[in-house]
Every structure is written in C-alpha cells, then in structure tokens.
Amino acid sequence: MPKGVLFDLDGTLLDSAPDFIVSLNNLLLKHSRPALAPEIIRNHVSDGSWKLISLGFGIEESHEDCVNLREELLVEYTKNSLVYGGAFQGISEMLGLLHDMNIPFGVVTNKPLIFAQPILDNEPAFKNCQTLICPDHLSANKPDPEGVLKGCKDLSIEPKDCVYIGDHIKDLEAGINAGAQVIACYFGYSLKPADHDDHIGGANHPRDLIGLIKNL
C-alpha cells in the first residue's frame, strides 16, 4: 500500500466544470457569441483555459485575440470559483479514510497558485492537504515528472511509495515518468479505460479510490 497519495485537482478532487461552464458562457454572452452546451465545456475543462477559449470562440490558441480573451475568462472564473462547483461527491469521505489510515495526501496541478490556493483554503474536504504543487513552483508542467517528484519530497516519501491519481493522460504519464504508481479517474473530464495500458487501475466513482489504493 502506498505511503502517500498525490492527486490532480480539476476533474479528480474538484468538480470545477460548473464554475467554468458559467464563466465561459458569461464571456461568450458578453462578446455576443452563442453559449456552448454544458457537456461540451465539461469534456474540455482538464485541457485548460486556452482550450476553452479556442473552443468557445472558434479560434486557434495561437490567435492574437486568445491572450486577452483568456485573461477575461480567468477574471470571470475568479468570481465563480467554488460558487457552482466543489469537491466531487464522495471525495471528502475518501480523503477522511486516507487520514484515518495515516496516509498523507497532496495536490499536483497545472492550475496556477492564484486559483488553486483559495480552493484548498475554502473547500473543507481538502483541509488535511499536506502540499500544493502548482506551475508557479516548477520549471515544467505535466507530463514532466517534476511536480510529482516535488510532491513526494514534500510528503517525505520515495516515488515508488507514492500513487498519483488524475483524470488526464498527462497525469498518468507524469506519475509514471516520476516512478510512482498511478490510478486513472474516469469520473473526471477526459480519461477513458481505452486511453491507457490495461494494467493501470481506474475509478468510476470517488468511492472506488480507497479500494484501488489499498490494492497497490
């Protein structure tokens, strides 16, 4: 069984899709653009804000308007963060069980610190988080292993004794590249069993995670 657990944030611990759905559609309305179906936005939340702008406005991420539109989206998201979304149902109970088992956990996310820290400070489910690793702390984002390795160091464990859990193929790649074990989250935004090797376990619901962690 692992001595520590590291999680991705959006789509793994946090259902931020409702906040992004409202934020992106508010921005589209502001620019007289048609709203997108919630499910379309949900399916791309883990791809990041650049992708959401590209999707909503029908432009490439390299388009000259993308930078300013993304800044507008992030301002809107700041207003809506944790207003409509929050920890996935079952995450609080799962993290409570980890605490009872004396297994520390932390978060390694591509979400900038300015957005991630308030979420960890204000979502009660995450109160026992031992470390938060954001792009602000790193020289390379996932799938580079730097974040997972830093998380392991912060938890005072070796990568082989850690499991990294996420809902994107880049999460799994980052964990594997770091030498950690990995678990896939299918209840998130982008990952399906067909996306990864058969030997990697996957959770259809947060309640499945404890069993998968115990079996590693």
Protein backbone atom coordinates (compact mmCIF):
# COMPACT_ATOMS: atom_id res chain seq x y z
CA MET A 1 0.00 0.00 0.00
CA PRO A 2 1.34 3.49 -0.80
CA LYS A 3 2.83 5.65 1.95
CA GLY A 4 1.40 8.82 0.37
CA VAL A 5 -1.06 9.90 -2.30
CA LEU A 6 -0.83 12.81 -4.73
CA PHE A 7 -3.85 14.00 -6.68
CA ASP A 8 -4.54 16.15 -9.68
CA LEU A 9 -7.10 18.84 -8.79
CA ASP A 10 -9.66 19.64 -11.52
CA GLY A 11 -11.59 16.56 -12.59
CA THR A 12 -10.04 14.43 -9.85
CA LEU A 13 -10.73 16.00 -6.46
CA LEU A 14 -12.58 19.07 -7.67
CA ASP A 15 -15.62 19.30 -9.92
CA SER A 16 -14.79 22.74 -11.31
CA ALA A 17 -16.78 22.22 -14.51
CA PRO A 18 -19.90 24.03 -13.22
CA ASP A 19 -17.78 27.09 -12.47
CA PHE A 20 -16.14 27.02 -15.90
CA ILE A 21 -19.45 26.42 -17.69
CA VAL A 22 -20.94 29.58 -16.16
CA SER A 23 -17.71 31.56 -16.66
CA LEU A 24 -17.18 30.68 -20.32
CA ASN A 25 -20.81 31.15 -21.26
CA ASN A 26 -20.89 34.52 -19.46
CA LEU A 27 -17.86 35.57 -21.52
CA LEU A 28 -19.43 34.33 -24.74
CA LEU A 29 -22.60 36.29 -23.94
CA LYS A 30 -20.51 39.40 -23.27
CA HIS A 31 -19.00 39.08 -26.75
CA SER A 32 -22.36 38.32 -28.40
CA ARG A 33 -21.40 34.72 -29.07
CA PRO A 34 -23.73 31.72 -28.66
CA ALA A 35 -23.43 29.75 -25.44
CA LEU A 36 -21.93 26.27 -25.54
CA ALA A 37 -23.70 23.19 -24.24
CA PRO A 38 -22.52 22.41 -20.68
CA GLU A 39 -21.39 18.92 -21.66
CA ILE A 40 -19.08 20.29 -24.36
CA ILE A 41 -17.36 22.56 -21.86
CA ARG A 42 -17.20 19.82 -19.22
CA ASN A 43 -15.39 17.49 -21.61
CA HIS A 44 -12.59 20.02 -22.08
CA VAL A 45 -12.09 21.51 -18.61
CA SER A 46 -8.97 19.40 -18.00
CA ASP A 47 -7.47 20.71 -21.24
CA GLY A 48 -7.13 24.16 -19.67
CA SER A 49 -8.29 27.73 -20.22
CA TRP A 50 -6.53 28.15 -23.57
CA LYS A 51 -8.51 25.23 -24.96
CA LEU A 52 -11.77 26.60 -23.59
CA ILE A 53 -11.21 29.92 -25.37
CA SER A 54 -10.31 28.14 -28.58
CA LEU A 55 -13.44 26.02 -28.27
CA GLY A 56 -15.81 28.84 -27.39
CA PHE A 57 -14.58 31.40 -29.91
CA GLY A 58 -13.61 29.04 -32.71
CA ILE A 59 -10.02 30.29 -32.91
CA GLU A 60 -6.63 28.64 -32.63
CA GLU A 61 -4.77 29.03 -29.35
CA SER A 62 -2.12 30.97 -31.31
CA HIS A 63 -4.69 33.55 -32.47
CA GLU A 64 -3.86 37.14 -31.46
CA ASP A 65 -7.16 37.52 -29.57
CA CYS A 66 -6.66 34.41 -27.48
CA VAL A 67 -4.45 36.00 -24.81
CA ASN A 68 -6.90 38.79 -23.95
CA LEU A 69 -9.92 36.51 -24.08
CA ARG A 70 -8.21 34.04 -21.78
CA GLU A 71 -7.48 36.83 -19.29
CA GLU A 72 -11.16 37.79 -19.38
CA LEU A 73 -12.14 34.17 -18.79
CA LEU A 74 -9.85 33.89 -15.78
CA VAL A 75 -11.29 37.09 -14.27
CA GLU A 76 -14.77 35.63 -14.72
CA TYR A 77 -13.67 32.28 -13.29
CA THR A 78 -12.27 34.00 -10.19
CA LYS A 79 -15.77 35.34 -9.50
CA ASN A 80 -17.33 31.89 -9.88
CA SER A 81 -14.76 29.55 -8.35
CA LEU A 82 -16.45 27.25 -5.78
CA VAL A 83 -19.75 29.07 -6.36
CA TYR A 84 -21.27 26.34 -8.54
CA GLY A 85 -18.70 23.55 -8.18
CA GLY A 86 -16.82 21.91 -5.33
CA ALA A 87 -15.33 18.60 -4.28
CA PHE A 88 -16.83 15.64 -6.13
CA GLN A 89 -19.40 13.72 -4.12
CA GLY A 90 -17.52 11.08 -2.13
CA ILE A 91 -14.15 12.86 -2.17
CA SER A 92 -14.48 14.17 1.39
CA GLU A 93 -15.21 10.67 2.70
CA MET A 94 -12.34 9.17 0.69
CA LEU A 95 -9.85 11.74 1.99
CA GLY A 96 -11.15 11.17 5.51
CA LEU A 97 -10.36 7.47 5.17
CA LEU A 98 -6.83 8.29 4.00
CA HIS A 99 -6.42 10.45 7.10
CA ASP A 100 -7.67 7.63 9.32
CA MET A 101 -5.11 5.33 7.69
CA ASN A 102 -2.31 7.87 8.38
CA ILE A 103 -1.64 8.24 4.65
CA PRO A 104 -0.81 11.87 3.81
CA PHE A 105 -2.01 13.45 0.58
CA GLY A 106 -1.10 16.40 -1.56
CA VAL A 107 -2.10 18.05 -4.82
CA VAL A 108 -0.05 18.42 -8.00
CA THR A 109 -1.94 20.53 -10.51
CA ASN A 110 -1.40 22.58 -13.67
CA LYS A 111 -3.73 25.18 -12.14
CA PRO A 112 -1.85 28.38 -11.20
CA LEU A 113 -1.37 29.01 -7.49
CA ILE A 114 -3.53 32.15 -7.54
CA PHE A 115 -6.55 29.98 -8.38
CA ALA A 116 -5.61 26.74 -6.63
CA GLN A 117 -4.70 28.07 -3.17
CA PRO A 118 -8.09 29.71 -2.47
CA ILE A 119 -9.80 26.46 -3.42
CA LEU A 120 -7.73 24.45 -0.94
CA ASP A 121 -8.28 27.14 1.69
CA ASN A 122 -12.05 27.28 1.24
CA GLU A 123 -13.16 23.73 0.35
CA PRO A 124 -13.46 21.85 3.69
CA ALA A 125 -12.84 18.48 2.04
CA PHE A 126 -9.22 19.49 1.37
CA LYS A 127 -8.38 20.65 4.91
CA ASN A 128 -5.75 17.94 5.50
CA CYS A 129 -3.81 18.55 2.28
CA GLN A 130 -0.09 18.42 3.09
CA THR A 131 1.32 20.05 -0.05
CA LEU A 132 0.14 22.01 -3.08
CA ILE A 133 2.33 21.97 -6.19
CA CYS A 134 1.41 24.41 -8.98
CA PRO A 135 3.18 25.58 -12.15
CA ASP A 136 4.44 28.54 -10.09
CA HIS A 137 6.73 26.11 -8.25
CA LEU A 138 8.06 24.28 -11.31
CA SER A 139 10.07 24.67 -14.49
CA ALA A 140 7.91 22.21 -16.46
CA ASN A 141 4.27 21.09 -16.36
CA LYS A 142 2.83 17.61 -16.59
CA PRO A 143 3.59 15.18 -18.15
CA ASP A 144 7.03 16.20 -16.90
CA PRO A 145 7.60 14.39 -13.56
CA GLU A 146 8.98 17.43 -11.72
CA GLY A 147 5.73 18.20 -9.89
CA VAL A 148 5.15 14.63 -8.74
CA LEU A 149 8.76 14.35 -7.59
CA LYS A 150 8.46 17.60 -5.62
CA GLY A 151 5.21 16.35 -4.09
CA CYS A 152 6.90 13.14 -2.99
CA LYS A 153 9.71 15.14 -1.42
CA ASP A 154 7.22 17.33 0.43
CA LEU A 155 5.46 14.21 1.78
CA SER A 156 8.87 12.71 2.72
CA ILE A 157 8.30 9.57 0.65
CA GLU A 158 10.03 7.90 -2.27
CA PRO A 159 8.23 7.98 -5.65
CA LYS A 160 7.90 4.17 -5.59
CA ASP A 161 5.87 4.52 -2.37
CA CYS A 162 3.53 7.11 -3.87
CA VAL A 163 0.46 6.90 -6.09
CA TYR A 164 -0.53 9.77 -8.36
CA ILE A 165 -4.20 9.97 -9.29
CA GLY A 166 -5.62 12.00 -12.17
CA ASP A 167 -8.24 12.29 -14.90
CA HIS A 168 -5.97 13.15 -17.85
CA ILE A 169 -3.46 11.06 -19.77
CA LYS A 170 -0.80 13.65 -18.88
CA ASP A 171 -1.43 12.91 -15.19
CA LEU A 172 -0.73 9.22 -15.71
CA GLU A 173 2.34 9.99 -17.79
CA ALA A 174 3.67 12.37 -15.12
CA GLY A 175 3.24 9.76 -12.41
CA ILE A 176 4.85 7.02 -14.47
CA ASN A 177 7.72 9.31 -15.50
CA ALA A 178 8.34 10.04 -11.82
CA GLY A 179 8.47 6.35 -10.93
CA ALA A 180 5.22 6.47 -8.95
CA GLN A 181 2.20 4.22 -9.22
CA VAL A 182 -0.86 5.70 -10.92
CA ILE A 183 -4.66 5.44 -10.82
CA ALA A 184 -6.99 6.81 -13.50
CA CYS A 185 -10.16 8.76 -12.71
CA TYR A 186 -12.97 8.04 -15.17
CA PHE A 187 -15.43 10.23 -13.28
CA GLY A 188 -13.40 13.27 -14.32
CA TYR A 189 -13.40 15.11 -17.62
CA SER A 190 -11.26 13.38 -20.20
CA LEU A 191 -9.94 9.90 -19.38
CA LYS A 192 -11.33 6.57 -20.57
CA PRO A 193 -10.05 3.00 -20.00
CA ALA A 194 -9.00 2.76 -23.64
CA ASP A 195 -6.62 5.70 -23.18
CA HIS A 196 -4.07 3.81 -21.09
CA ASP A 197 -2.46 0.40 -20.53
CA ASP A 198 -4.68 -2.35 -19.17
CA HIS A 199 -2.63 -2.86 -16.01
CA ILE A 200 -3.49 0.64 -14.74
CA GLY A 201 -6.48 0.67 -12.40
CA GLY A 202 -9.30 3.14 -12.81
CA ALA A 203 -12.06 4.60 -10.63
CA ASN A 204 -15.58 5.13 -11.92
CA HIS A 205 -16.51 6.99 -8.71
CA PRO A 206 -14.53 8.55 -5.84
CA ARG A 207 -15.70 5.72 -3.57
CA ASP A 208 -13.66 3.31 -5.74
CA LEU A 209 -10.38 5.04 -4.94
CA ILE A 210 -9.72 3.66 -1.45
CA GLY A 211 -10.04 0.07 -2.67
CA LEU A 212 -7.69 0.76 -5.58
CA ILE A 213 -5.17 2.46 -3.28
CA LYS A 214 -5.25 -0.42 -0.79
CA ASN A 215 -4.62 -2.94 -3.54
CA LEU A 216 -1.45 -1.27 -4.82
